[in-house]
Amino acid sequence: MKTIRFERDGTIGNIVLANPPFNRLDARFSAALRDAVHEASESNIRVLVVRAEGPHFSFGGEVREWPGKDVNWFRTFVAEVNASYRAIEALRVPTVASVQGVAFGGGFELALACDFLVAADTAVFRCVEVTTGMLPIAGALQRLAERVGRARASRYSMLGEPISAAEASTLGIATHIVPENKLGDATVALARQLAIGPTRSYAATRTLLKTWSSGGVGATDLVMLDVVMELYNGEDAQRGFANTAKAFDADPAVAGHCSDPSANEGPQLFRGEVNRGPSIGVFSHPDNDLRPRDR
């Protein structure tokens, strides 16, 4: 039986950790995750959700397999896990981690590899590696530093302190916090919103954010014009501009409505979060049929 599988629901893909109750990252994990990511990349999905069966997202590495193993075995294992996580980051579609229960060690790092992190309000995150004399080996240290700053990254990686869902939200680790019994519904709602959105725009945004992560503001400025011009020449943007212009001409009040940030607040899908939709003139105007058709 596969410990990780890829599933599709229309244009929404799911990578499912299917080894409950702990969903540990064992020797089979990296190959299974790699295969699932490859299946996702070869499909026509428009968003990918990473979720887990059972009460917990993942307790992290299966440390019981490691004692006595040769250092070259461990080096290869770590390299393969990192390659699988980076492959998720390299996808051209938005990615969502849906986290319940415990997300420790490599499980926490898997969630950090996604664009969005939707967590149950009872979820707990932790860098546990220090308890075995190690450090985060699949990207948590640098990704935490990027999100919460060097000082807090040092605190959580060196002291191994647990991070509650509320704290993860405050620090910017989690993008959405929902009641535990609403996690599935909230994840599906977000995935559906992303699946009908402008996929090329999402891909370009991810490109610029990844460039900023690796090279800073200067590097992002260098590539920004080329990325934006490619979008401008695309069908989505041209159709969007045309329909927005028509909406403005038909009702001048729409222009003022679009310029008011508070005017485009959607339903409260997530507790403590406002679902701000795209510009009303582009995707939400009643006269507009603008579901993106290109990838």
Protein backbone atom coordinates (compact mmCIF):
# COMPACT_ATOMS: atom_id res chain seq x y z
CA MET A 1 0.00 0.00 0.00
CA LYS A 2 1.27 3.45 -0.92
CA THR A 3 2.20 5.67 2.02
CA ILE A 4 1.75 8.73 -0.20
CA ARG A 5 -0.65 8.99 -3.10
CA PHE A 6 -1.76 11.56 -5.66
CA GLU A 7 -5.47 12.14 -6.22
CA ARG A 8 -7.44 14.50 -8.46
CA ASP A 9 -10.79 16.18 -8.08
CA GLY A 10 -11.20 18.00 -11.36
CA THR A 11 -8.51 20.69 -11.52
CA ILE A 12 -7.64 20.29 -7.82
CA GLY A 13 -4.81 17.87 -7.05
CA ASN A 14 -4.13 16.27 -3.68
CA ILE A 15 -0.94 14.72 -2.36
CA VAL A 16 -2.10 12.62 0.58
CA LEU A 17 0.15 11.37 3.39
CA ALA A 18 -1.48 7.98 3.92
CA ASN A 19 0.42 6.34 6.76
CA PRO A 20 -1.61 7.31 9.85
CA PRO A 21 -1.67 7.89 12.70
CA PHE A 22 1.83 9.42 12.62
CA ASN A 23 2.61 9.77 8.88
CA ARG A 24 6.33 9.45 9.58
CA LEU A 25 8.92 10.17 6.92
CA ASP A 26 10.51 6.75 6.47
CA ALA A 27 12.89 5.32 3.89
CA ARG A 28 10.01 4.98 1.41
CA PHE A 29 8.90 8.58 1.85
CA SER A 30 11.15 10.48 -0.55
CA ALA A 31 10.53 8.11 -3.48
CA ALA A 32 6.78 8.05 -2.84
CA LEU A 33 6.61 11.85 -2.58
CA ARG A 34 8.73 12.26 -5.70
CA ASP A 35 6.38 10.00 -7.66
CA ALA A 36 3.32 11.88 -6.37
CA VAL A 37 4.84 15.25 -7.33
CA HIS A 38 5.65 13.91 -10.80
CA GLU A 39 2.04 12.76 -11.21
CA ALA A 40 0.88 16.21 -10.17
CA SER A 41 3.25 17.97 -12.57
CA GLU A 42 2.09 15.85 -15.50
CA SER A 43 -1.61 16.53 -14.88
CA ASN A 44 -3.68 19.58 -15.78
CA ILE A 45 -4.43 20.57 -12.18
CA ARG A 46 -4.59 24.26 -11.31
CA VAL A 47 -3.86 23.93 -7.58
CA LEU A 48 -2.20 21.28 -5.40
CA VAL A 49 -3.23 20.47 -1.82
CA VAL A 50 -0.90 18.56 0.51
CA ARG A 51 -2.88 16.90 3.29
CA ALA A 52 -2.74 13.90 5.60
CA GLU A 53 -4.97 11.10 6.75
CA GLY A 54 -5.49 10.50 10.45
CA PRO A 55 -5.29 12.81 13.47
CA HIS A 56 -1.87 14.26 12.63
CA PHE A 57 -0.18 15.82 9.61
CA SER A 58 3.21 14.24 10.32
CA PHE A 59 5.50 13.50 13.24
CA GLY A 60 8.54 13.92 10.96
CA GLY A 61 11.37 11.53 10.24
CA GLU A 62 11.30 7.86 11.14
CA VAL A 63 14.35 8.15 13.37
CA ARG A 64 14.22 4.46 14.30
CA GLU A 65 15.59 3.65 10.84
CA TRP A 66 18.67 5.82 11.22
CA PRO A 67 20.93 4.35 13.94
CA GLY A 68 23.85 2.46 12.43
CA LYS A 69 23.25 3.68 8.90
CA ASP A 70 26.28 4.85 6.92
CA VAL A 71 26.72 8.61 6.60
CA ASN A 72 26.48 8.35 2.82
CA TRP A 73 23.08 6.65 3.15
CA PHE A 74 21.88 9.50 5.34
CA ARG A 75 23.32 12.10 2.97
CA THR A 76 21.41 10.54 0.07
CA PHE A 77 18.21 10.32 2.13
CA VAL A 78 18.41 13.99 3.11
CA ALA A 79 19.22 15.02 -0.47
CA GLU A 80 16.25 13.08 -1.84
CA VAL A 81 13.80 14.51 0.71
CA ASN A 82 15.02 18.03 -0.10
CA ALA A 83 14.69 17.37 -3.83
CA SER A 84 11.07 16.28 -3.34
CA TYR A 85 10.22 19.37 -1.27
CA ARG A 86 11.90 21.69 -3.75
CA ALA A 87 9.96 19.98 -6.56
CA ILE A 88 6.74 21.07 -4.85
CA GLU A 89 8.07 24.63 -4.71
CA ALA A 90 8.99 24.40 -8.42
CA LEU A 91 5.46 23.60 -9.59
CA ARG A 92 3.75 26.32 -11.62
CA VAL A 93 0.47 26.06 -9.72
CA PRO A 94 -0.38 27.34 -6.22
CA THR A 95 0.16 24.87 -3.39
CA VAL A 96 -1.77 24.53 -0.12
CA ALA A 97 -0.78 22.60 3.00
CA SER A 98 -3.73 21.49 5.15
CA VAL A 99 -2.47 20.74 8.66
CA GLN A 100 -4.18 19.08 11.60
CA GLY A 101 -2.69 17.80 14.83
CA VAL A 102 1.09 17.57 14.93
CA ALA A 103 3.47 18.85 12.23
CA PHE A 104 6.95 18.13 13.57
CA GLY A 105 10.37 18.05 11.94
CA GLY A 106 10.16 17.04 8.29
CA GLY A 107 6.38 17.29 8.44
CA PHE A 108 6.67 20.94 9.41
CA GLU A 109 9.17 21.44 6.60
CA LEU A 110 6.79 19.87 4.09
CA ALA A 111 4.09 22.35 5.10
CA LEU A 112 6.57 25.23 4.79
CA ALA A 113 7.25 24.21 1.17
CA CYS A 114 3.70 25.26 0.22
CA ASP A 115 2.42 28.73 -0.70
CA PHE A 116 -0.52 28.59 1.69
CA LEU A 117 -0.69 26.87 5.07
CA VAL A 118 -4.22 26.27 6.36
CA ALA A 119 -4.07 24.97 9.93
CA ALA A 120 -6.60 23.71 12.43
CA ASP A 121 -6.69 25.88 15.53
CA THR A 122 -5.43 22.88 17.52
CA ALA A 123 -2.40 22.23 15.28
CA VAL A 124 1.12 22.35 16.71
CA PHE A 125 4.35 22.95 14.79
CA ARG A 126 7.82 22.15 16.06
CA CYS A 127 11.43 21.81 14.94
CA VAL A 128 12.27 18.68 16.94
CA GLU A 129 15.67 17.93 15.40
CA VAL A 130 17.62 19.57 18.23
CA THR A 131 16.35 16.86 20.60
CA THR A 132 18.54 14.38 18.70
CA GLY A 133 21.52 16.69 18.37
CA MET A 134 20.62 17.63 14.78
CA LEU A 135 19.13 20.62 13.02
CA PRO A 136 16.30 20.97 10.47
CA ILE A 137 17.50 19.13 7.39
CA ALA A 138 14.83 19.92 4.79
CA GLY A 139 14.62 23.69 4.74
CA ALA A 140 12.85 24.77 7.93
CA LEU A 141 15.69 26.85 9.32
CA GLN A 142 16.07 29.15 6.33
CA ARG A 143 12.34 29.24 5.56
CA LEU A 144 11.51 30.16 9.12
CA ALA A 145 14.17 32.88 9.04
CA GLU A 146 12.56 34.20 5.86
CA ARG A 147 9.12 34.31 7.46
CA VAL A 148 9.74 35.21 11.09
CA GLY A 149 13.30 36.59 11.19
CA ARG A 150 16.65 35.20 12.25
CA ALA A 151 16.10 35.59 15.99
CA ARG A 152 12.89 33.59 16.07
CA ALA A 153 14.29 30.99 13.67
CA SER A 154 17.16 30.53 16.13
CA ARG A 155 14.73 30.24 19.01
CA TYR A 156 12.51 27.62 17.44
CA SER A 157 15.31 25.53 15.91
CA MET A 158 17.75 25.68 18.84
CA LEU A 159 15.26 25.42 21.69
CA GLY A 160 12.76 23.20 19.92
CA GLU A 161 9.84 25.15 21.32
CA PRO A 162 6.38 24.18 20.02
CA ILE A 163 4.49 26.75 17.96
CA SER A 164 0.74 26.86 18.45
CA ALA A 165 -1.59 27.50 15.54
CA ALA A 166 -2.44 30.94 16.94
CA GLU A 167 1.23 31.85 17.20
CA ALA A 168 1.91 30.47 13.72
CA SER A 169 -0.78 32.78 12.37
CA THR A 170 0.54 35.82 14.24
CA LEU A 171 4.09 35.18 13.04
CA GLY A 172 3.09 34.68 9.41
CA ILE A 173 3.89 30.96 9.27
CA ALA A 174 0.26 29.93 8.73
CA THR A 175 -1.87 31.86 6.26
CA HIS A 176 -5.23 30.67 7.60
CA ILE A 177 -6.39 29.30 10.96
CA VAL A 178 -9.76 27.56 11.19
CA PRO A 179 -11.65 25.48 13.75
CA GLU A 180 -10.50 21.88 13.64
CA ASN A 181 -13.87 20.61 12.41
CA LYS A 182 -13.83 23.14 9.54
CA LEU A 183 -10.33 22.35 8.23
CA GLY A 184 -11.48 20.20 5.33
CA ASP A 185 -14.16 22.63 4.18
CA ALA A 186 -11.84 25.63 4.48
CA THR A 187 -9.09 23.88 2.52
CA VAL A 188 -11.49 22.92 -0.26
CA ALA A 189 -12.90 26.47 -0.39
CA LEU A 190 -9.43 27.96 -0.79
CA ALA A 191 -8.41 25.34 -3.36
CA ARG A 192 -11.53 26.01 -5.43
CA GLN A 193 -10.91 29.75 -5.31
CA LEU A 194 -7.36 29.24 -6.57
CA ALA A 195 -8.44 26.68 -9.18
CA ILE A 196 -10.71 29.16 -10.99
CA GLY A 197 -8.30 32.08 -10.65
CA PRO A 198 -5.68 33.43 -13.10
CA THR A 199 -3.18 30.56 -13.11
CA ARG A 200 -0.55 32.40 -15.16
CA SER A 201 -0.68 35.33 -12.76
CA TYR A 202 -0.24 32.95 -9.84
CA ALA A 203 2.74 31.31 -11.53
CA ALA A 204 4.35 34.71 -12.19
CA THR A 205 3.80 35.77 -8.58
CA ARG A 206 5.45 32.56 -7.38
CA THR A 207 8.37 33.18 -9.74
CA LEU A 208 8.98 36.66 -8.35
CA LEU A 209 8.67 35.51 -4.74
CA LYS A 210 11.13 32.67 -5.33
CA THR A 211 13.53 35.11 -6.98
CA TRP A 212 13.24 37.42 -3.98
CA SER A 213 13.87 34.50 -1.61
CA SER A 214 17.10 33.58 -3.35
CA GLY A 215 18.36 36.94 -4.57
CA GLY A 216 16.54 39.72 -2.72
CA VAL A 217 14.81 42.84 -3.98
CA GLY A 218 17.49 43.72 -6.55
CA ALA A 219 17.33 40.35 -8.28
CA THR A 220 13.53 40.46 -8.34
CA ASP A 221 13.55 43.93 -9.88
CA LEU A 222 15.80 42.62 -12.66
CA VAL A 223 13.37 39.89 -13.74
CA MET A 224 10.10 41.66 -12.92
CA LEU A 225 9.67 43.47 -16.25
CA ASP A 226 10.15 40.31 -18.32
CA VAL A 227 7.72 38.36 -16.14
CA VAL A 228 5.08 41.12 -16.26
CA MET A 229 5.38 41.64 -20.03
CA GLU A 230 4.80 37.94 -20.64
CA LEU A 231 1.63 38.22 -18.57
CA TYR A 232 0.56 41.37 -20.42
CA ASN A 233 0.77 39.55 -23.76
CA GLY A 234 -1.34 36.69 -22.46
CA GLU A 235 -5.03 36.09 -23.14
CA ASP A 236 -6.03 36.39 -19.48
CA ALA A 237 -4.68 39.90 -18.98
CA GLN A 238 -5.92 41.26 -22.32
CA ARG A 239 -9.40 39.90 -21.68
CA GLY A 240 -9.27 41.20 -18.12
CA PHE A 241 -8.26 44.72 -19.17
CA ALA A 242 -10.97 44.83 -21.84
CA ASN A 243 -13.73 43.70 -19.52
CA THR A 244 -12.60 46.03 -16.75
CA ALA A 245 -12.67 48.96 -19.17
CA LYS A 246 -16.21 47.99 -20.25
CA ALA A 247 -17.30 47.79 -16.62
CA PHE A 248 -15.89 51.26 -15.93
CA ASP A 249 -17.60 52.73 -19.00
CA ALA A 250 -20.93 51.11 -18.16
CA ASP A 251 -20.98 52.26 -14.56
CA PRO A 252 -18.54 54.98 -13.40
CA ALA A 253 -19.30 54.03 -9.79
CA VAL A 254 -17.55 50.71 -10.40
CA ALA A 255 -14.22 52.53 -10.77
CA GLY A 256 -14.65 54.13 -7.38
CA HIS A 257 -15.78 50.82 -5.93
CA CYS A 258 -12.63 49.09 -7.19
CA SER A 259 -10.41 51.76 -5.70
CA ASP A 260 -11.88 51.23 -2.23
CA PRO A 261 -10.05 48.28 -0.61
CA SER A 262 -12.92 47.66 1.80
CA ALA A 263 -15.42 47.34 -1.03
CA ASN A 264 -14.16 43.94 -2.19
CA GLU A 265 -14.34 41.98 1.03
CA GLY A 266 -15.69 38.50 0.45
CA PRO A 267 -17.35 36.11 2.90
CA GLN A 268 -15.62 35.17 6.13
CA LEU A 269 -14.35 31.77 4.99
CA PHE A 270 -11.62 31.70 7.60
CA ARG A 271 -11.87 32.78 11.20
CA GLY A 272 -10.03 36.04 11.65
CA GLU A 273 -9.34 36.31 7.92
CA VAL A 274 -11.00 38.33 5.19
CA ASN A 275 -11.31 36.65 1.82
CA ARG A 276 -10.33 39.46 -0.50
CA GLY A 277 -11.22 38.48 -4.04
CA PRO A 278 -9.65 39.76 -7.27
CA SER A 279 -10.51 43.19 -8.66
CA ILE A 280 -14.27 43.40 -9.14
CA GLY A 281 -13.82 44.73 -12.66
CA VAL A 282 -11.66 41.80 -13.72
CA PHE A 283 -13.17 38.66 -12.26
CA SER A 284 -16.22 39.51 -10.18
CA HIS A 285 -18.31 41.87 -12.25
CA PRO A 286 -21.71 40.33 -13.07
CA ASP A 287 -21.25 41.03 -16.79
CA ASN A 288 -17.89 39.32 -16.90
CA ASP A 289 -17.24 35.74 -18.03
CA LEU A 290 -13.57 35.59 -17.29
CA ARG A 291 -12.65 32.15 -16.03
CA PRO A 292 -9.02 31.84 -17.18
CA ARG A 293 -8.57 29.42 -20.04
CA ASP A 294 -4.79 29.28 -20.29
CA ARG A 295 -2.33 27.68 -17.90
